[in-house]
């Protein structure tokens, strides 16, 4: 169970890091174009897609961690009942 927690946390953190990094980089480029008096353009499609994938990976990892927490709590409860009974 510990491996599931660790692997899921690492994958979720990587997804969130990708989304945040791309958002910050594109925001800085947008601001730079504005300051130079150029017409700011939308982010390229690959950046938008990568950001969405990173957020989806993070959301899935958060869901898996929540499910793993429920499973761990139920296992602990069952073991406590078996020890009593």
C-alpha atoms as a PDB file:
ATOM      1  CA  UNK A   1       0.000   0.000   0.000  1.00  0.00           C
ATOM      2  CA  UNK A   2       2.905   2.344   0.695  1.00  0.00           C
ATOM      3  CA  UNK A   3       4.126   1.925  -2.877  1.00  0.00           C
ATOM      4  CA  UNK A   4       0.712   2.973  -4.174  1.00  0.00           C
ATOM      5  CA  UNK A   5       0.787   6.100  -1.991  1.00  0.00           C
ATOM      6  CA  UNK A   6       4.295   7.047  -3.050  1.00  0.00           C
ATOM      7  CA  UNK A   7       3.844   6.333  -6.756  1.00  0.00           C
ATOM      8  CA  UNK A   8       0.533   8.160  -6.902  1.00  0.00           C
ATOM      9  CA  UNK A   9       1.916  11.163  -5.039  1.00  0.00           C
ATOM     10  CA  UNK A  10       4.912  11.368  -7.374  1.00  0.00           C
ATOM     11  CA  UNK A  11       2.776  11.091 -10.518  1.00  0.00           C
ATOM     12  CA  UNK A  12       0.287  13.651  -9.195  1.00  0.00           C
ATOM     13  CA  UNK A  13       3.048  16.066  -8.259  1.00  0.00           C
ATOM     14  CA  UNK A  14       4.610  15.695 -11.706  1.00  0.00           C
ATOM     15  CA  UNK A  15       1.273  16.451 -13.368  1.00  0.00           C
ATOM     16  CA  UNK A  16       0.728  19.508 -11.219  1.00  0.00           C
ATOM     17  CA  UNK A  17       4.299  20.689 -11.806  1.00  0.00           C
ATOM     18  CA  UNK A  18       3.846  20.438 -15.578  1.00  0.00           C
ATOM     19  CA  UNK A  19       0.596  22.412 -15.460  1.00  0.00           C
ATOM     20  CA  UNK A  20       2.008  25.133 -13.216  1.00  0.00           C
ATOM     21  CA  UNK A  21       5.273  25.466 -15.138  1.00  0.00           C
ATOM     22  CA  UNK A  22       3.569  25.788 -18.503  1.00  0.00           C
ATOM     23  CA  UNK A  23       1.069  28.283 -17.142  1.00  0.00           C
ATOM     24  CA  UNK A  24       3.804  30.463 -15.645  1.00  0.00           C
ATOM     25  CA  UNK A  25       5.997  30.339 -18.751  1.00  0.00           C
ATOM     26  CA  UNK A  26       3.140  31.224 -21.079  1.00  0.00           C
ATOM     27  CA  UNK A  27       2.004  33.990 -18.721  1.00  0.00           C
ATOM     28  CA  UNK A  28       5.476  35.509 -18.738  1.00  0.00           C
ATOM     29  CA  UNK A  29       5.645  35.356 -22.520  1.00  0.00           C
ATOM     30  CA  UNK A  30       2.213  36.969 -22.770  1.00  0.00           C
ATOM     31  CA  UNK A  31       3.260  39.780 -20.444  1.00  0.00           C
ATOM     32  CA  UNK A  32       6.523  40.270 -22.323  1.00  0.00           C
ATOM     33  CA  UNK A  33       4.687  40.664 -25.627  1.00  0.00           C
ATOM     34  CA  UNK A  34       2.294  43.162 -24.026  1.00  0.00           C
ATOM     35  CA  UNK A  35       5.157  45.240 -22.598  1.00  0.00           C
ATOM     36  CA  UNK A  36       6.911  45.363 -25.970  1.00  0.00           C
ATOM     37  CA  UNK A  37       3.716  46.704 -27.540  1.00  0.00           C
ATOM     38  CA  UNK A  38       3.092  43.570 -29.577  1.00  0.00           C
ATOM     39  CA  UNK A  39      -0.265  41.921 -29.893  1.00  0.00           C
ATOM     40  CA  UNK A  40      -0.396  39.124 -27.289  1.00  0.00           C
ATOM     41  CA  UNK A  41      -1.276  35.788 -28.812  1.00  0.00           C
ATOM     42  CA  UNK A  42      -2.958  32.777 -27.311  1.00  0.00           C
ATOM     43  CA  UNK A  43      -0.857  29.910 -26.059  1.00  0.00           C
ATOM     44  CA  UNK A  44      -0.022  27.264 -28.667  1.00  0.00           C
ATOM     45  CA  UNK A  45      -2.296  24.244 -28.818  1.00  0.00           C
ATOM     46  CA  UNK A  46       0.395  21.901 -27.506  1.00  0.00           C
ATOM     47  CA  UNK A  47       0.808  24.053 -24.382  1.00  0.00           C
ATOM     48  CA  UNK A  48      -2.925  24.057 -23.728  1.00  0.00           C
ATOM     49  CA  UNK A  49      -3.145  20.306 -24.288  1.00  0.00           C
ATOM     50  CA  UNK A  50      -0.128  19.613 -22.065  1.00  0.00           C
ATOM     51  CA  UNK A  51      -1.543  21.798 -19.298  1.00  0.00           C
ATOM     52  CA  UNK A  52      -4.875  19.997 -19.490  1.00  0.00           C
ATOM     53  CA  UNK A  53      -3.176  16.596 -19.399  1.00  0.00           C
ATOM     54  CA  UNK A  54      -1.087  17.662 -16.395  1.00  0.00           C
ATOM     55  CA  UNK A  55      -4.196  18.801 -14.541  1.00  0.00           C
ATOM     56  CA  UNK A  56      -6.029  15.585 -15.464  1.00  0.00           C
ATOM     57  CA  UNK A  57      -3.130  13.485 -14.175  1.00  0.00           C
ATOM     58  CA  UNK A  58      -3.135  15.474 -10.945  1.00  0.00           C
ATOM     59  CA  UNK A  59      -6.897  15.065 -10.536  1.00  0.00           C
ATOM     60  CA  UNK A  60      -6.704  11.313 -11.154  1.00  0.00           C
ATOM     61  CA  UNK A  61      -3.850  10.978  -8.678  1.00  0.00           C
ATOM     62  CA  UNK A  62      -5.841  12.890  -6.067  1.00  0.00           C
ATOM     63  CA  UNK A  63      -8.801  10.564  -6.620  1.00  0.00           C
ATOM     64  CA  UNK A  64      -6.584   7.477  -6.315  1.00  0.00           C
ATOM     65  CA  UNK A  65      -5.075   8.844  -3.094  1.00  0.00           C
ATOM     66  CA  UNK A  66      -8.549   9.452  -1.672  1.00  0.00           C
ATOM     67  CA  UNK A  67      -9.621   5.912  -2.558  1.00  0.00           C
ATOM     68  CA  UNK A  68      -6.413   4.498  -1.088  1.00  0.00           C
ATOM     69  CA  UNK A  69      -7.061   6.417   2.128  1.00  0.00           C
ATOM     70  CA  UNK A  70     -10.560   4.932   2.407  1.00  0.00           C
ATOM     71  CA  UNK A  71      -9.238   1.429   1.715  1.00  0.00           C
ATOM     72  CA  UNK A  72      -6.498   1.851   4.318  1.00  0.00           C
ATOM     73  CA  UNK A  73      -9.000   3.071   6.899  1.00  0.00           C
ATOM     74  CA  UNK A  74     -11.305   0.131   6.218  1.00  0.00           C
ATOM     75  CA  UNK A  75      -8.415  -2.334   6.473  1.00  0.00           C
ATOM     76  CA  UNK A  76      -7.304  -0.809   9.756  1.00  0.00           C
ATOM     77  CA  UNK A  77     -10.833  -0.972  11.113  1.00  0.00           C
ATOM     78  CA  UNK A  78     -11.220  -4.621  10.058  1.00  0.00           C
ATOM     79  CA  UNK A  79      -7.887  -5.542  11.664  1.00  0.00           C
ATOM     80  CA  UNK A  80      -8.893  -3.779  14.898  1.00  0.00           C
ATOM     81  CA  UNK A  81     -12.190  -5.692  14.960  1.00  0.00           C
ATOM     82  CA  UNK A  82     -10.390  -8.992  14.360  1.00  0.00           C
ATOM     83  CA  UNK A  83      -7.954  -8.242  17.188  1.00  0.00           C
ATOM     84  CA  UNK A  84     -10.858  -7.606  19.574  1.00  0.00           C
ATOM     85  CA  UNK A  85     -12.933 -10.492  18.542  1.00  0.00           C
END
